[in-house]
Amino acid sequence: MSSVYVPTAHPVGPGENPEYELRVLEDGTAGIAVYTSVDRLRECLGSDQPWSEASLLELLYLVGKKRIGVALNPRMDPSLIAGRRGTS
């Protein structure tokens, strides 16, 4: 797996840097939800959720640098899906 799919604050156009959404993880800390497929992302977050494809290595560098937690293929509380979270 060299790419993953990450929820963003808004749709990302060509040449734009994405603003990844931070989510509240199960342990109560902020983190980035990372999905192994677009279908999985849409299943968990809904079809209206903007997203961006990210290189796994670049994403690991970002979360390590900013000390952000990561959740792989997390299911989200449906009441949280409609609201926006912070961005990275």
N, C-alpha and C. Protein backbone atom coordinates (compact mmCIF):
# COMPACT_ATOMS: atom_id res chain seq x y z
N MET A 1 0.86 -1.17 0.00
CA MET A 1 0.00 0.00 0.00
C MET A 1 0.90 1.24 0.00
N SER A 2 0.88 2.00 -1.08
CA SER A 2 1.72 3.20 -1.15
C SER A 2 0.90 4.48 -1.03
N SER A 3 -0.43 4.38 -1.19
CA SER A 3 -1.31 5.55 -1.06
C SER A 3 -2.44 5.22 -0.09
N VAL A 4 -2.90 6.27 0.59
CA VAL A 4 -4.06 6.16 1.47
C VAL A 4 -4.97 7.34 1.16
N TYR A 5 -6.16 7.33 1.72
CA TYR A 5 -7.17 8.35 1.45
C TYR A 5 -7.55 9.01 2.76
N VAL A 6 -7.48 10.35 2.78
CA VAL A 6 -7.60 11.10 4.02
C VAL A 6 -8.69 12.16 3.88
N PRO A 7 -9.61 12.27 4.86
CA PRO A 7 -10.63 13.31 4.82
C PRO A 7 -9.98 14.70 4.86
N THR A 8 -10.52 15.61 4.06
CA THR A 8 -10.01 16.98 4.01
C THR A 8 -11.12 17.97 4.39
N ALA A 9 -10.71 19.18 4.70
CA ALA A 9 -11.66 20.22 5.10
C ALA A 9 -12.50 20.71 3.93
N HIS A 10 -11.94 20.64 2.74
CA HIS A 10 -12.65 21.07 1.53
C HIS A 10 -12.09 20.30 0.34
N PRO A 11 -12.81 20.28 -0.78
CA PRO A 11 -12.27 19.59 -1.96
C PRO A 11 -10.91 20.16 -2.36
N VAL A 12 -10.04 19.29 -2.82
CA VAL A 12 -8.68 19.69 -3.18
C VAL A 12 -8.55 19.71 -4.69
N GLY A 13 -8.13 20.85 -5.22
CA GLY A 13 -7.93 20.99 -6.65
C GLY A 13 -6.51 20.63 -7.04
N PRO A 14 -6.24 20.52 -8.33
CA PRO A 14 -4.90 20.21 -8.81
C PRO A 14 -3.88 21.24 -8.30
N GLY A 15 -2.78 20.76 -7.79
CA GLY A 15 -1.71 21.63 -7.31
C GLY A 15 -1.95 22.22 -5.92
N GLU A 16 -3.11 21.97 -5.32
CA GLU A 16 -3.40 22.50 -3.98
C GLU A 16 -2.86 21.54 -2.92
N ASN A 17 -2.44 22.10 -1.79
CA ASN A 17 -2.07 21.29 -0.64
C ASN A 17 -3.33 21.02 0.17
N PRO A 18 -3.61 19.77 0.50
CA PRO A 18 -4.83 19.47 1.26
C PRO A 18 -4.73 19.91 2.71
N GLU A 19 -5.88 20.27 3.28
CA GLU A 19 -5.99 20.51 4.72
C GLU A 19 -6.66 19.28 5.29
N TYR A 20 -5.87 18.38 5.86
CA TYR A 20 -6.43 17.16 6.41
C TYR A 20 -7.24 17.47 7.66
N GLU A 21 -8.39 16.83 7.79
CA GLU A 21 -9.22 17.02 8.96
C GLU A 21 -8.70 16.21 10.13
N LEU A 22 -8.64 16.86 11.27
CA LEU A 22 -8.33 16.15 12.51
C LEU A 22 -9.65 15.69 13.10
N ARG A 23 -9.66 14.50 13.63
CA ARG A 23 -10.85 13.90 14.22
C ARG A 23 -10.56 13.53 15.67
N VAL A 24 -11.60 13.39 16.44
CA VAL A 24 -11.44 12.89 17.81
C VAL A 24 -11.40 11.37 17.73
N LEU A 25 -10.28 10.79 18.16
CA LEU A 25 -10.12 9.35 18.12
C LEU A 25 -10.75 8.72 19.36
N GLU A 26 -10.85 7.41 19.38
CA GLU A 26 -11.52 6.70 20.47
C GLU A 26 -10.94 7.04 21.83
N ASP A 27 -9.64 7.33 21.90
CA ASP A 27 -9.02 7.64 23.20
C ASP A 27 -9.17 9.11 23.58
N GLY A 28 -9.90 9.88 22.76
CA GLY A 28 -10.17 11.29 23.07
C GLY A 28 -9.13 12.26 22.53
N THR A 29 -8.07 11.76 21.90
CA THR A 29 -7.06 12.64 21.34
C THR A 29 -7.39 12.98 19.89
N ALA A 30 -6.78 14.04 19.39
CA ALA A 30 -6.97 14.41 17.98
C ALA A 30 -6.08 13.54 17.12
N GLY A 31 -6.58 13.19 15.95
CA GLY A 31 -5.79 12.37 15.04
C GLY A 31 -6.34 12.46 13.63
N ILE A 32 -5.62 11.87 12.72
CA ILE A 32 -6.03 11.84 11.32
C ILE A 32 -6.61 10.46 11.02
N ALA A 33 -7.81 10.46 10.44
CA ALA A 33 -8.41 9.21 9.98
C ALA A 33 -7.83 8.90 8.60
N VAL A 34 -7.36 7.70 8.42
CA VAL A 34 -6.72 7.27 7.18
C VAL A 34 -7.44 6.03 6.69
N TYR A 35 -7.78 6.02 5.40
CA TYR A 35 -8.53 4.92 4.83
C TYR A 35 -7.73 4.25 3.72
N THR A 36 -7.91 2.93 3.60
CA THR A 36 -7.18 2.16 2.59
C THR A 36 -7.85 2.19 1.23
N SER A 37 -9.09 2.68 1.17
CA SER A 37 -9.77 2.82 -0.12
C SER A 37 -10.78 3.96 -0.04
N VAL A 38 -11.11 4.52 -1.19
CA VAL A 38 -12.12 5.57 -1.26
C VAL A 38 -13.47 4.99 -0.85
N ASP A 39 -13.76 3.77 -1.27
CA ASP A 39 -15.04 3.14 -0.89
C ASP A 39 -15.18 3.03 0.63
N ARG A 40 -14.11 2.65 1.29
CA ARG A 40 -14.14 2.53 2.77
C ARG A 40 -14.35 3.90 3.40
N LEU A 41 -13.66 4.92 2.90
CA LEU A 41 -13.82 6.28 3.40
C LEU A 41 -15.28 6.73 3.26
N ARG A 42 -15.85 6.53 2.10
CA ARG A 42 -17.24 6.93 1.86
C ARG A 42 -18.23 6.13 2.71
N GLU A 43 -17.94 4.85 2.89
CA GLU A 43 -18.80 4.01 3.74
C GLU A 43 -18.82 4.53 5.17
N CYS A 44 -17.67 4.96 5.67
CA CYS A 44 -17.57 5.41 7.06
C CYS A 44 -17.96 6.87 7.25
N LEU A 45 -17.71 7.73 6.26
CA LEU A 45 -17.90 9.17 6.44
C LEU A 45 -18.97 9.78 5.55
N GLY A 46 -19.47 9.03 4.61
CA GLY A 46 -20.50 9.55 3.72
C GLY A 46 -19.91 10.01 2.39
N SER A 47 -20.75 10.04 1.38
CA SER A 47 -20.28 10.37 0.03
C SER A 47 -19.98 11.84 -0.16
N ASP A 48 -20.43 12.71 0.73
CA ASP A 48 -20.16 14.15 0.61
C ASP A 48 -18.82 14.57 1.22
N GLN A 49 -18.15 13.66 1.90
CA GLN A 49 -16.89 14.00 2.57
C GLN A 49 -15.79 14.26 1.55
N PRO A 50 -15.21 15.48 1.55
CA PRO A 50 -14.05 15.70 0.67
C PRO A 50 -12.87 14.86 1.17
N TRP A 51 -12.00 14.47 0.26
CA TRP A 51 -10.86 13.65 0.61
C TRP A 51 -9.72 13.90 -0.36
N SER A 52 -8.55 13.41 0.00
CA SER A 52 -7.38 13.51 -0.86
C SER A 52 -6.58 12.22 -0.76
N GLU A 53 -6.02 11.82 -1.87
CA GLU A 53 -5.11 10.69 -1.86
C GLU A 53 -3.77 11.19 -1.35
N ALA A 54 -3.13 10.43 -0.49
CA ALA A 54 -1.86 10.84 0.09
C ALA A 54 -0.86 9.69 0.00
N SER A 55 0.38 10.04 -0.23
CA SER A 55 1.45 9.07 -0.17
C SER A 55 1.59 8.63 1.29
N LEU A 56 1.63 7.35 1.53
CA LEU A 56 1.75 6.84 2.89
C LEU A 56 3.02 7.37 3.56
N LEU A 57 4.12 7.40 2.82
CA LEU A 57 5.38 7.89 3.41
C LEU A 57 5.30 9.37 3.77
N GLU A 58 4.71 10.19 2.90
CA GLU A 58 4.57 11.62 3.20
C GLU A 58 3.66 11.84 4.40
N LEU A 59 2.57 11.07 4.49
CA LEU A 59 1.65 11.20 5.60
C LEU A 59 2.32 10.79 6.91
N LEU A 60 3.09 9.71 6.88
CA LEU A 60 3.81 9.29 8.08
C LEU A 60 4.81 10.35 8.53
N TYR A 61 5.45 11.00 7.58
CA TYR A 61 6.36 12.09 7.92
C TYR A 61 5.60 13.22 8.60
N LEU A 62 4.45 13.61 8.04
CA LEU A 62 3.64 14.70 8.60
C LEU A 62 3.19 14.39 10.02
N VAL A 63 2.63 13.20 10.23
CA VAL A 63 2.11 12.90 11.57
C VAL A 63 3.25 12.74 12.58
N GLY A 64 4.39 12.26 12.14
CA GLY A 64 5.53 12.18 13.04
C GLY A 64 6.05 13.55 13.42
N LYS A 65 6.12 14.43 12.44
CA LYS A 65 6.62 15.78 12.67
C LYS A 65 5.70 16.57 13.60
N LYS A 66 4.38 16.42 13.40
CA LYS A 66 3.41 17.16 14.20
C LYS A 66 2.91 16.38 15.41
N ARG A 67 3.39 15.15 15.54
CA ARG A 67 2.98 14.28 16.66
C ARG A 67 1.47 14.12 16.72
N ILE A 68 0.90 13.74 15.60
CA ILE A 68 -0.54 13.54 15.47
C ILE A 68 -0.82 12.04 15.41
N GLY A 69 -1.84 11.62 16.12
CA GLY A 69 -2.25 10.22 16.07
C GLY A 69 -2.88 9.88 14.74
N VAL A 70 -2.90 8.60 14.43
CA VAL A 70 -3.49 8.10 13.18
C VAL A 70 -4.42 6.94 13.52
N ALA A 71 -5.57 6.91 12.87
CA ALA A 71 -6.49 5.79 13.00
C ALA A 71 -6.73 5.23 11.61
N LEU A 72 -6.49 3.94 11.42
CA LEU A 72 -6.64 3.30 10.13
C LEU A 72 -8.06 2.74 9.98
N ASN A 73 -8.75 3.17 8.94
CA ASN A 73 -10.12 2.73 8.63
C ASN A 73 -11.08 2.84 9.82
N PRO A 74 -11.07 3.98 10.54
CA PRO A 74 -11.96 4.07 11.71
C PRO A 74 -13.42 4.27 11.32
N ARG A 75 -14.29 3.70 12.10
CA ARG A 75 -15.72 3.99 11.99
C ARG A 75 -15.94 5.22 12.86
N MET A 76 -16.75 6.15 12.37
CA MET A 76 -16.99 7.37 13.11
C MET A 76 -18.42 7.41 13.62
N ASP A 77 -18.60 8.07 14.76
CA ASP A 77 -19.93 8.30 15.30
C ASP A 77 -20.70 9.12 14.27
N PRO A 78 -21.86 8.62 13.78
CA PRO A 78 -22.60 9.35 12.75
C PRO A 78 -22.93 10.79 13.12
N SER A 79 -23.07 11.09 14.40
CA SER A 79 -23.39 12.46 14.80
C SER A 79 -22.20 13.39 14.59
N LEU A 80 -21.00 12.85 14.45
CA LEU A 80 -19.80 13.67 14.23
C LEU A 80 -19.50 13.89 12.75
N ILE A 81 -20.09 13.09 11.88
CA ILE A 81 -19.76 13.15 10.46
C ILE A 81 -20.17 14.49 9.85
N ALA A 82 -21.34 14.98 10.21
CA ALA A 82 -21.85 16.22 9.59
C ALA A 82 -21.04 17.44 10.03
N GLY A 83 -20.51 17.45 11.26
CA GLY A 83 -19.76 18.60 11.74
C GLY A 83 -18.33 18.55 11.28
N ARG A 84 -17.72 19.68 11.14
CA ARG A 84 -16.32 19.75 10.74
C ARG A 84 -15.43 19.73 11.96
N ARG A 85 -14.30 19.09 11.82
CA ARG A 85 -13.31 19.03 12.86
C ARG A 85 -12.19 20.00 12.50
N GLY A 86 -11.16 20.05 13.31
CA GLY A 86 -10.00 20.89 13.01
C GLY A 86 -9.26 20.38 11.80
N THR A 87 -8.29 21.13 11.33
CA THR A 87 -7.51 20.72 10.17
C THR A 87 -6.03 20.70 10.51
N SER A 88 -5.29 19.95 9.72
CA SER A 88 -3.86 19.86 9.91
C SER A 88 -3.19 20.49 8.71
